[in-house]
PDB file of N, CA and C in Angstrom:
ATOM      1  N   MET A   1     117.872  79.140 106.171  1.00  0.00           N
ATOM      2  CA  MET A   1     116.564  78.584 106.985  1.00  0.00           C
ATOM      3  C   MET A   1     116.442  77.375 105.531  1.00  0.00           C
ATOM      4  N   LEU A   2     116.199  78.275 104.084  1.00  0.00           N
ATOM      5  CA  LEU A   2     115.638  77.108 103.450  1.00  0.00           C
ATOM      6  C   LEU A   2     116.644  76.524 102.782  1.00  0.00           C
ATOM      7  N   SER A   3     117.804  76.321 103.220  1.00  0.00           N
ATOM      8  CA  SER A   3     118.958  75.462 102.778  1.00  0.00           C
ATOM      9  C   SER A   3     119.104  74.463 104.320  1.00  0.00           C
ATOM     10  N   PHE A   4     118.713  75.207 105.266  1.00  0.00           N
ATOM     11  CA  PHE A   4     119.259  74.311 105.823  1.00  0.00           C
ATOM     12  C   PHE A   4     117.845  72.926 106.181  1.00  0.00           C
ATOM     13  N   SER A   5     116.616  73.458 105.732  1.00  0.00           N
ATOM     14  CA  SER A   5     115.217  72.652 105.424  1.00  0.00           C
ATOM     15  C   SER A   5     115.150  71.805 104.469  1.00  0.00           C
ATOM     16  N   GLY A   6     116.084  72.336 103.777  1.00  0.00           N
ATOM     17  CA  GLY A   6     116.427  71.128 101.988  1.00  0.00           C
ATOM     18  C   GLY A   6     115.596  71.434 100.979  1.00  0.00           C
ATOM     19  N   ILE A   7     114.758  72.952 101.540  1.00  0.00           N
ATOM     20  CA  ILE A   7     113.677  73.708 100.360  1.00  0.00           C
ATOM     21  C   ILE A   7     114.167  74.264  99.228  1.00  0.00           C
ATOM     22  N   ARG A   8     114.992  74.611  99.770  1.00  0.00           N
ATOM     23  CA  ARG A   8     116.007  75.058  98.612  1.00  0.00           C
ATOM     24  C   ARG A   8     116.803  74.251  97.494  1.00  0.00           C
ATOM     25  N   GLN A   9     117.747  73.345  97.701  1.00  0.00           N
ATOM     26  CA  GLN A   9     118.047  72.282  97.189  1.00  0.00           C
ATOM     27  C   GLN A   9     116.884  71.309  96.386  1.00  0.00           C
ATOM     28  N   VAL A  10     115.777  71.331  96.642  1.00  0.00           N
ATOM     29  CA  VAL A  10     114.448  70.677  95.996  1.00  0.00           C
ATOM     30  C   VAL A  10     114.616  71.832  94.935  1.00  0.00           C
ATOM     31  N   LYS A  11     113.892  72.697  95.360  1.00  0.00           N
ATOM     32  CA  LYS A  11     113.172  73.681  94.173  1.00  0.00           C
ATOM     33  C   LYS A  11     114.195  74.240  93.507  1.00  0.00           C
ATOM     34  N   GLN A  12     115.897  74.388  93.503  1.00  0.00           N
ATOM     35  CA  GLN A  12     116.757  74.575  92.629  1.00  0.00           C
ATOM     36  C   GLN A  12     117.184  73.307  92.070  1.00  0.00           C
ATOM     37  N   ASN A  13     116.572  71.878  92.531  1.00  0.00           N
ATOM     38  CA  ASN A  13     117.461  70.873  91.872  1.00  0.00           C
ATOM     39  C   ASN A  13     118.615  70.350  92.083  1.00  0.00           C
ATOM     40  N   THR A  14     119.306  71.423  93.491  1.00  0.00           N
ATOM     41  CA  THR A  14     121.138  70.975  93.525  1.00  0.00           C
ATOM     42  C   THR A  14     120.954  70.397  94.385  1.00  0.00           C
ATOM     43  N   THR A  15     122.164  70.078  95.100  1.00  0.00           N
ATOM     44  CA  THR A  15     123.172  69.287  96.631  1.00  0.00           C
ATOM     45  C   THR A  15     124.062  69.698  96.511  1.00  0.00           C
ATOM     46  N   GLN A  16     124.067  69.448  97.965  1.00  0.00           N
ATOM     47  CA  GLN A  16     125.907  69.894  98.724  1.00  0.00           C
ATOM     48  C   GLN A  16     126.457  68.714  99.215  1.00  0.00           C
ATOM     49  N   LEU A  17     127.236  67.874  98.871  1.00  0.00           N
ATOM     50  CA  LEU A  17     127.692  66.900  99.498  1.00  0.00           C
ATOM     51  C   LEU A  17     128.074  67.205 101.206  1.00  0.00           C
ATOM     52  N   THR A  18     126.757  67.108 101.830  1.00  0.00           N
ATOM     53  CA  THR A  18     127.331  67.234 103.367  1.00  0.00           C
ATOM     54  C   THR A  18     127.123  65.947 103.558  1.00  0.00           C
ATOM     55  N   LEU A  19     126.606  64.912 103.572  1.00  0.00           N
ATOM     56  CA  LEU A  19     126.646  64.051 104.368  1.00  0.00           C
ATOM     57  C   LEU A  19     127.623  62.748 104.267  1.00  0.00           C
ATOM     58  N   SER A  20     128.107  62.891 103.281  1.00  0.00           N
ATOM     59  CA  SER A  20     129.259  61.995 102.909  1.00  0.00           C
ATOM     60  C   SER A  20     130.779  62.477 102.047  1.00  0.00           C
ATOM     61  N   LYS A  21     131.617  62.919 102.283  1.00  0.00           N
ATOM     62  CA  LYS A  21     132.414  63.436 102.188  1.00  0.00           C
ATOM     63  C   LYS A  21     133.132  62.549 100.646  1.00  0.00           C
ATOM     64  N   LYS A  22     133.109  61.211 100.370  1.00  0.00           N
ATOM     65  CA  LYS A  22     133.324  60.859  99.503  1.00  0.00           C
ATOM     66  C   LYS A  22     132.027  60.164  98.462  1.00  0.00           C
ATOM     67  N   GLY A  23     131.387  60.983  99.139  1.00  0.00           N
ATOM     68  CA  GLY A  23     130.110  60.636  98.083  1.00  0.00           C
ATOM     69  C   GLY A  23     129.594  59.013  97.882  1.00  0.00           C
ATOM     70  N   LYS A  24     129.569  58.646  99.014  1.00  0.00           N
ATOM     71  CA  LYS A  24     128.870  57.208  99.480  1.00  0.00           C
ATOM     72  C   LYS A  24     127.770  57.422 100.638  1.00  0.00           C
ATOM     73  N   ILE A  25     126.967  56.150 100.158  1.00  0.00           N
ATOM     74  CA  ILE A  25     125.966  56.006 100.996  1.00  0.00           C
ATOM     75  C   ILE A  25     126.701  55.238 102.255  1.00  0.00           C
ATOM     76  N   LEU A  26     126.205  55.427 103.695  1.00  0.00           N
ATOM     77  CA  LEU A  26     127.208  54.573 105.114  1.00  0.00           C
ATOM     78  C   LEU A  26     125.701  53.617 104.605  1.00  0.00           C
ATOM     79  N   THR A  27     126.232  52.646 105.018  1.00  0.00           N
ATOM     80  CA  THR A  27     125.164  51.200 104.699  1.00  0.00           C
ATOM     81  C   THR A  27     125.324  50.433 106.076  1.00  0.00           C
ATOM     82  N   ASN A  28     126.177  51.164 106.966  1.00  0.00           N
ATOM     83  CA  ASN A  28     127.135  50.153 107.581  1.00  0.00           C
ATOM     84  C   ASN A  28     126.314  50.045 109.251  1.00  0.00           C
ATOM     85  N   GLY A  29     126.545  49.342 110.342  1.00  0.00           N
ATOM     86  CA  GLY A  29     125.694  49.537 111.402  1.00  0.00           C
ATOM     87  C   GLY A  29     124.150  49.853 111.165  1.00  0.00           C
ATOM     88  N   ILE A  30     123.650  50.589 112.463  1.00  0.00           N
ATOM     89  CA  ILE A  30     122.340  51.062 112.498  1.00  0.00           C
ATOM     90  C   ILE A  30     121.662  51.665 111.535  1.00  0.00           C
ATOM     91  N   LEU A  31     122.322  52.430 110.296  1.00  0.00           N
ATOM     92  CA  LEU A  31     121.677  52.379 108.900  1.00  0.00           C
ATOM     93  C   LEU A  31     121.836  51.528 107.917  1.00  0.00           C
ATOM     94  N   GLY A  32     122.473  50.152 108.481  1.00  0.00           N
ATOM     95  CA  GLY A  32     121.920  48.905 107.809  1.00  0.00           C
ATOM     96  C   GLY A  32     120.396  47.994 107.774  1.00  0.00           C
ATOM     97  N   ILE A  33     120.273  49.195 109.246  1.00  0.00           N
ATOM     98  CA  ILE A  33     118.570  49.080 110.077  1.00  0.00           C
ATOM     99  C   ILE A  33     117.850  49.384 109.541  1.00  0.00           C
ATOM    100  N   ILE A  34     117.746  50.583 109.728  1.00  0.00           N
ATOM    101  CA  ILE A  34     117.044  51.809 109.453  1.00  0.00           C
ATOM    102  C   ILE A  34     117.562  53.002 108.958  1.00  0.00           C
ATOM    103  N   ARG A  35     116.979  53.623 108.166  1.00  0.00           N
ATOM    104  CA  ARG A  35     117.139  54.738 107.643  1.00  0.00           C
ATOM    105  C   ARG A  35     117.209  56.037 108.283  1.00  0.00           C
ATOM    106  N   HIS A  36     116.573  56.622 109.232  1.00  0.00           N
ATOM    107  CA  HIS A  36     116.797  58.018 110.252  1.00  0.00           C
ATOM    108  C   HIS A  36     116.838  57.005 111.703  1.00  0.00           C
ATOM    109  N   PRO A  37     117.849  56.215 111.879  1.00  0.00           N
ATOM    110  CA  PRO A  37     117.868  56.580 113.306  1.00  0.00           C
ATOM    111  C   PRO A  37     117.324  57.957 113.915  1.00  0.00           C
ATOM    112  N   TRP A  38     118.004  58.828 113.828  1.00  0.00           N
ATOM    113  CA  TRP A  38     117.793  60.078 114.671  1.00  0.00           C
ATOM    114  C   TRP A  38     116.300  60.501 114.437  1.00  0.00           C
ATOM    115  N   TYR A  39     115.498  60.497 113.731  1.00  0.00           N
ATOM    116  CA  TYR A  39     114.046  60.304 113.920  1.00  0.00           C
ATOM    117  C   TYR A  39     113.229  59.305 114.730  1.00  0.00           C
ATOM    118  N   THR A  40     113.459  58.137 114.262  1.00  0.00           N
ATOM    119  CA  THR A  40     113.119  57.438 115.101  1.00  0.00           C
ATOM    120  C   THR A  40     113.376  57.369 116.455  1.00  0.00           C
ATOM    121  N   ALA A  41     115.133  57.755 116.874  1.00  0.00           N
ATOM    122  CA  ALA A  41     114.793  58.391 117.926  1.00  0.00           C
ATOM    123  C   ALA A  41     113.718  59.452 119.183  1.00  0.00           C
ATOM    124  N   THR A  42     113.796  60.450 118.304  1.00  0.00           N
ATOM    125  CA  THR A  42     113.074  61.274 118.928  1.00  0.00           C
ATOM    126  C   THR A  42     111.963  61.141 118.804  1.00  0.00           C
ATOM    127  N   PHE A  43     111.507  60.342 117.682  1.00  0.00           N
ATOM    128  CA  PHE A  43     109.742  60.315 118.362  1.00  0.00           C
ATOM    129  C   PHE A  43     109.713  59.187 119.262  1.00  0.00           C
ATOM    130  N   LEU A  44     110.293  58.273 119.527  1.00  0.00           N
ATOM    131  CA  LEU A  44     110.502  57.629 120.942  1.00  0.00           C
ATOM    132  C   LEU A  44     110.742  58.293 122.060  1.00  0.00           C
ATOM    133  N   ILE A  45     111.796  59.523 122.244  1.00  0.00           N
ATOM    134  CA  ILE A  45     111.625  60.353 122.944  1.00  0.00           C
ATOM    135  C   ILE A  45     110.253  61.017 123.722  1.00  0.00           C
ATOM    136  N   ILE A  46     109.756  61.428 122.169  1.00  0.00           N
ATOM    137  CA  ILE A  46     108.766  62.428 122.525  1.00  0.00           C
ATOM    138  C   ILE A  46     107.307  61.742 122.928  1.00  0.00           C
ATOM    139  N   TRP A  47     107.465  60.725 122.408  1.00  0.00           N
ATOM    140  CA  TRP A  47     105.717  59.805 122.529  1.00  0.00           C
ATOM    141  C   TRP A  47     106.046  58.717 124.230  1.00  0.00           C
ATOM    142  N   SER A  48     107.129  58.925 124.650  1.00  0.00           N
ATOM    143  CA  SER A  48     107.467  58.260 125.697  1.00  0.00           C
ATOM    144  C   SER A  48     107.087  59.153 126.924  1.00  0.00           C
ATOM    145  N   ARG A  49     106.976  60.110 126.902  1.00  0.00           N
ATOM    146  CA  ARG A  49     106.613  60.871 127.870  1.00  0.00           C
ATOM    147  C   ARG A  49     105.249  60.634 128.816  1.00  0.00           C
ATOM    148  N   ASN A  50     104.579  61.294 129.618  1.00  0.00           N
ATOM    149  CA  ASN A  50     103.415  61.366 130.257  1.00  0.00           C
ATOM    150  C   ASN A  50     102.742  61.918 129.498  1.00  0.00           C
ATOM    151  N   ILE A  51     101.467  61.757 129.117  1.00  0.00           N
ATOM    152  CA  ILE A  51     100.172  62.546 128.002  1.00  0.00           C
ATOM    153  C   ILE A  51      99.224  62.821 128.835  1.00  0.00           C
ATOM    154  N   TYR A  52      99.249  64.337 128.220  1.00  0.00           N
ATOM    155  CA  TYR A  52      98.226  64.924 128.533  1.00  0.00           C
ATOM    156  C   TYR A  52      97.731  65.500 127.919  1.00  0.00           C
ATOM    157  N   ILE A  53      96.910  66.878 127.933  1.00  0.00           N
ATOM    158  CA  ILE A  53      96.715  67.266 126.753  1.00  0.00           C
ATOM    159  C   ILE A  53      97.504  68.270 125.571  1.00  0.00           C
ATOM    160  N   SER A  54      98.140  69.007 126.714  1.00  0.00           N
ATOM    161  CA  SER A  54      99.230  69.765 126.148  1.00  0.00           C
ATOM    162  C   SER A  54     100.813  68.886 125.395  1.00  0.00           C
ATOM    163  N   THR A  55     100.541  68.022 125.820  1.00  0.00           N
ATOM    164  CA  THR A  55     101.946  66.887 125.303  1.00  0.00           C
ATOM    165  C   THR A  55     101.376  66.286 124.510  1.00  0.00           C
ATOM    166  N   LEU A  56      99.717  65.912 123.777  1.00  0.00           N
ATOM    167  CA  LEU A  56      99.503  65.102 123.038  1.00  0.00           C
ATOM    168  C   LEU A  56      99.123  66.200 121.859  1.00  0.00           C
ATOM    169  N   ILE A  57      98.985  67.453 122.101  1.00  0.00           N
ATOM    170  CA  ILE A  57      99.138  68.083 120.833  1.00  0.00           C
ATOM    171  C   ILE A  57     100.958  68.677 120.611  1.00  0.00           C
ATOM    172  N   THR A  58     101.052  69.092 121.434  1.00  0.00           N
ATOM    173  CA  THR A  58     102.760  69.075 120.913  1.00  0.00           C
ATOM    174  C   THR A  58     103.265  68.140 120.467  1.00  0.00           C
ATOM    175  N   ASN A  59     103.041  67.005 121.158  1.00  0.00           N
ATOM    176  CA  ASN A  59     103.475  65.396 120.836  1.00  0.00           C
ATOM    177  C   ASN A  59     103.318  65.505 118.750  1.00  0.00           C
ATOM    178  N   PHE A  60     102.269  65.810 118.373  1.00  0.00           N
ATOM    179  CA  PHE A  60     101.401  65.987 117.173  1.00  0.00           C
ATOM    180  C   PHE A  60     101.808  66.744 116.192  1.00  0.00           C
ATOM    181  N   ILE A  61     102.259  68.185 117.021  1.00  0.00           N
ATOM    182  CA  ILE A  61     103.157  69.142 115.958  1.00  0.00           C
ATOM    183  C   ILE A  61     104.429  68.971 115.844  1.00  0.00           C
ATOM    184  N   LEU A  62     105.449  68.056 116.607  1.00  0.00           N
ATOM    185  CA  LEU A  62     106.728  67.496 116.602  1.00  0.00           C
ATOM    186  C   LEU A  62     106.660  66.884 115.496  1.00  0.00           C
ATOM    187  N   SER A  63     105.654  65.574 115.943  1.00  0.00           N
ATOM    188  CA  SER A  63     105.693  64.503 114.727  1.00  0.00           C
ATOM    189  C   SER A  63     105.619  64.834 113.238  1.00  0.00           C
ATOM    190  N   PHE A  64     104.609  66.127 113.168  1.00  0.00           N
ATOM    191  CA  PHE A  64     104.279  66.437 112.046  1.00  0.00           C
ATOM    192  C   PHE A  64     105.706  67.441 111.317  1.00  0.00           C
ATOM    193  N   TYR A  65     106.022  67.849 112.114  1.00  0.00           N
ATOM    194  CA  TYR A  65     107.246  68.834 111.433  1.00  0.00           C
ATOM    195  C   TYR A  65     108.529  67.823 111.658  1.00  0.00           C
ATOM    196  N   LEU A  66     108.573  66.413 112.224  1.00  0.00           N
ATOM    197  CA  LEU A  66     110.236  65.304 111.920  1.00  0.00           C
ATOM    198  C   LEU A  66     109.160  64.879 110.741  1.00  0.00           C
ATOM    199  N   LEU A  67     108.289  64.145 110.381  1.00  0.00           N
ATOM    200  CA  LEU A  67     107.586  64.224 109.142  1.00  0.00           C
ATOM    201  C   LEU A  67     107.915  64.359 108.047  1.00  0.00           C
ATOM    202  N   ILE A  68     107.910  66.194 108.064  1.00  0.00           N
ATOM    203  CA  ILE A  68     108.266  67.038 106.943  1.00  0.00           C
ATOM    204  C   ILE A  68     109.385  66.681 106.489  1.00  0.00           C
ATOM    205  N   GLY A  69     109.729  66.794 107.731  1.00  0.00           N
ATOM    206  CA  GLY A  69     111.466  67.329 107.278  1.00  0.00           C
ATOM    207  C   GLY A  69     112.452  66.011 106.928  1.00  0.00           C
ATOM    208  N   CYS A  70     111.753  64.997 107.005  1.00  0.00           N
ATOM    209  CA  CYS A  70     111.918  63.549 106.947  1.00  0.00           C
ATOM    210  C   CYS A  70     112.163  63.448 105.628  1.00  0.00           C
ATOM    211  N   TYR A  71     110.957  63.956 104.905  1.00  0.00           N
ATOM    212  CA  TYR A  71     110.411  63.858 103.455  1.00  0.00           C
ATOM    213  C   TYR A  71     111.202  64.632 102.625  1.00  0.00           C
ATOM    214  N   LEU A  72     111.474  66.001 103.371  1.00  0.00           N
ATOM    215  CA  LEU A  72     112.822  66.887 102.387  1.00  0.00           C
ATOM    216  C   LEU A  72     114.110  66.434 102.778  1.00  0.00           C
ATOM    217  N   GLU A  73     114.647  65.622 103.645  1.00  0.00           N
ATOM    218  CA  GLU A  73     115.656  64.879 103.714  1.00  0.00           C
ATOM    219  C   GLU A  73     115.790  63.937 102.917  1.00  0.00           C
ATOM    220  N   GLU A  74     114.977  62.930 102.392  1.00  0.00           N
ATOM    221  CA  GLU A  74     115.031  61.924 101.472  1.00  0.00           C
ATOM    222  C   GLU A  74     115.174  62.221  99.741  1.00  0.00           C
ATOM    223  N   LYS A  75     114.181  63.688  99.619  1.00  0.00           N
ATOM    224  CA  LYS A  75     114.143  64.318  98.239  1.00  0.00           C
ATOM    225  C   LYS A  75     116.002  64.856  98.553  1.00  0.00           C
ATOM    226  N   LYS A  76     116.015  65.384  99.165  1.00  0.00           N
ATOM    227  CA  LYS A  76     117.697  65.714  98.558  1.00  0.00           C
ATOM    228  C   LYS A  76     118.854  64.749  98.953  1.00  0.00           C
ATOM    229  N   LEU A  77     118.615  63.356  99.637  1.00  0.00           N
ATOM    230  CA  LEU A  77     119.669  62.198  99.274  1.00  0.00           C
ATOM    231  C   LEU A  77     118.986  61.867  98.112  1.00  0.00           C
ATOM    232  N   ILE A  78     118.197  61.565  97.388  1.00  0.00           N
ATOM    233  CA  ILE A  78     117.884  61.124  96.546  1.00  0.00           C
ATOM    234  C   ILE A  78     118.408  61.694  95.140  1.00  0.00           C
ATOM    235  N   LEU A  79     118.533  63.310  95.166  1.00  0.00           N
ATOM    236  CA  LEU A  79     119.149  64.327  94.312  1.00  0.00           C
ATOM    237  C   LEU A  79     120.820  64.171  94.034  1.00  0.00           C
ATOM    238  N   GLU A  80     121.243  63.926  95.702  1.00  0.00           N
ATOM    239  CA  GLU A  80     122.710  63.718  95.892  1.00  0.00           C
ATOM    240  C   GLU A  80     122.951  62.398  95.521  1.00  0.00           C
ATOM    241  N   PHE A  81     122.214  61.173  95.661  1.00  0.00           N
ATOM    242  CA  PHE A  81     123.138  60.119  95.709  1.00  0.00           C
ATOM    243  C   PHE A  81     122.479  59.247  94.331  1.00  0.00           C
ATOM    244  N   GLY A  82     120.922  59.342  93.637  1.00  0.00           N
ATOM    245  CA  GLY A  82     120.442  58.939  92.537  1.00  0.00           C
ATOM    246  C   GLY A  82     119.998  57.751  93.409  1.00  0.00           C
ATOM    247  N   ALA A  83     120.070  56.654  91.736  1.00  0.00           N
ATOM    248  CA  ALA A  83     119.401  55.386  91.893  1.00  0.00           C
ATOM    249  C   ALA A  83     120.265  54.920  93.084  1.00  0.00           C
ATOM    250  N   GLU A  84     121.338  55.103  93.669  1.00  0.00           N
ATOM    251  CA  GLU A  84     121.867  54.599  94.817  1.00  0.00           C
ATOM    252  C   GLU A  84     121.096  54.630  96.003  1.00  0.00           C
ATOM    253  N   TYR A  85     120.440  55.483  96.060  1.00  0.00           N
ATOM    254  CA  TYR A  85     119.665  55.987  97.331  1.00  0.00           C
ATOM    255  C   TYR A  85     118.306  55.225  97.183  1.00  0.00           C
ATOM    256  N   GLN A  86     117.651  55.476  96.262  1.00  0.00           N
ATOM    257  CA  GLN A  86     116.751  54.552  95.912  1.00  0.00           C
ATOM    258  C   GLN A  86     116.752  53.327  96.369  1.00  0.00           C
ATOM    259  N   ASP A  87     117.736  52.505  95.724  1.00  0.00           N
ATOM    260  CA  ASP A  87     118.414  51.452  96.233  1.00  0.00           C
ATOM    261  C   ASP A  87     118.011  50.890  97.592  1.00  0.00           C
ATOM    262  N   TYR A  88     119.017  52.116  98.031  1.00  0.00           N
ATOM    263  CA  TYR A  88     118.741  52.094  99.729  1.00  0.00           C
ATOM    264  C   TYR A  88     117.526  52.033 100.120  1.00  0.00           C
ATOM    265  N   GLN A  89     116.673  52.868  99.804  1.00  0.00           N
ATOM    266  CA  GLN A  89     115.296  52.979 100.378  1.00  0.00           C
ATOM    267  C   GLN A  89     114.567  51.544 100.353  1.00  0.00           C
ATOM    268  N   LYS A  90     114.485  51.266  98.849  1.00  0.00           N
ATOM    269  CA  LYS A  90     114.277  49.923  98.532  1.00  0.00           C
ATOM    270  C   LYS A  90     114.266  48.739 100.284  1.00  0.00           C
ATOM    271  N   ASN A  91     115.342  48.708 100.506  1.00  0.00           N
ATOM    272  CA  ASN A  91     116.419  47.559 100.991  1.00  0.00           C
ATOM    273  C   ASN A  91     116.235  48.160 102.572  1.00  0.00           C
ATOM    274  N   VAL A  92     115.685  48.911 103.268  1.00  0.00           N
ATOM    275  CA  VAL A  92     116.199  49.470 104.404  1.00  0.00           C
ATOM    276  C   VAL A  92     114.879  50.241 104.962  1.00  0.00           C
ATOM    277  N   SER A  93     114.019  50.014 105.509  1.00  0.00           N
ATOM    278  CA  SER A  93     113.099  50.415 106.207  1.00  0.00           C
ATOM    279  C   SER A  93     113.290  52.037 106.975  1.00  0.00           C
ATOM    280  N   LYS A  94     112.359  52.826 106.641  1.00  0.00           N
ATOM    281  CA  LYS A  94     112.394  54.377 107.285  1.00  0.00           C
ATOM    282  C   LYS A  94     112.578  54.372 108.713  1.00  0.00           C
ATOM    283  N   PHE A  95     111.549  53.955 109.598  1.00  0.00           N
ATOM    284  CA  PHE A  95     111.807  54.732 110.733  1.00  0.00           C
ATOM    285  C   PHE A  95     111.863  53.340 111.642  1.00  0.00           C
ATOM    286  N   THR A  96     111.497  51.999 111.509  1.00  0.00           N
ATOM    287  CA  THR A  96     111.528  50.550 112.053  1.00  0.00           C
ATOM    288  C   THR A  96     112.301  50.004 110.935  1.00  0.00           C
ATOM    289  N   PRO A  97     112.924  48.584 111.895  1.00  0.00           N
ATOM    290  CA  PRO A  97     113.669  47.399 111.179  1.00  0.00           C
ATOM    291  C   PRO A  97     112.677  46.423 110.712  1.00  0.00           C
ATOM    292  N   TRP A  98     111.394  46.705 110.119  1.00  0.00           N
ATOM    293  CA  TRP A  98     111.001  45.789 109.103  1.00  0.00           C
ATOM    294  C   TRP A  98     111.129  45.188 108.131  1.00  0.00           C
ATOM    295  N   LYS A  99     111.740  45.906 107.208  1.00  0.00           N
ATOM    296  CA  LYS A  99     112.452  45.132 106.268  1.00  0.00           C
ATOM    297  C   LYS A  99     114.169  44.262 106.443  1.00  0.00           C
ATOM    298  N   TRP A 100     114.443  44.795 107.973  1.00  0.00           N
ATOM    299  CA  TRP A 100     115.519  44.295 108.439  1.00  0.00           C
ATOM    300  C   TRP A 100     115.088  42.823 108.602  1.00  0.00           C
ATOM    301  N   PHE A 101     114.042  43.004 109.672  1.00  0.00           N
ATOM    302  CA  PHE A 101     113.399  41.503 110.131  1.00  0.00           C
ATOM    303  C   PHE A 101     113.011  40.367 109.166  1.00  0.00           C
ATOM    304  N   LYS A 102     112.277  41.413 107.879  1.00  0.00           N
ATOM    305  CA  LYS A 102     111.772  40.482 107.003  1.00  0.00           C
ATOM    306  C   LYS A 102     112.965  39.292 106.259  1.00  0.00           C
ATOM    307  N   ASN A 103     114.344  40.327 106.252  1.00  0.00           N
ATOM    308  CA  ASN A 103     115.359  39.525 105.632  1.00  0.00           C
ATOM    309  C   ASN A 103     116.274  38.543 106.474  1.00  0.00           C
ATOM    310  N   LYS A 104     115.785  38.917 107.629  1.00  0.00           N
ATOM    311  CA  LYS A 104     116.488  37.770 108.409  1.00  0.00           C
ATOM    312  C   LYS A 104     116.219  36.400 108.607  1.00  0.00           C
TER     313      LYS A 104
END
């Protein structure tokens, strides 16, 4: 579970090449517009439902979980790709295409 969540890699300052077999960051397509399209889609799905008290609480819990997961994933990617990923972070927004719109 620690490896799945990325905590083990951050604690041990190690990495596993699980995202790219060639060791390169993919920045084409949607990944050139936002860094985490799956997280963005999940946010849209959970917040587009009818909102009741129970779903509101659930949505906040799920959103918090996603934000923590994204934070840990970013740490893991910085360990794996170093300065290349940090440059990617500077040029591409995390969840929304604000930087993409700004550059167009």
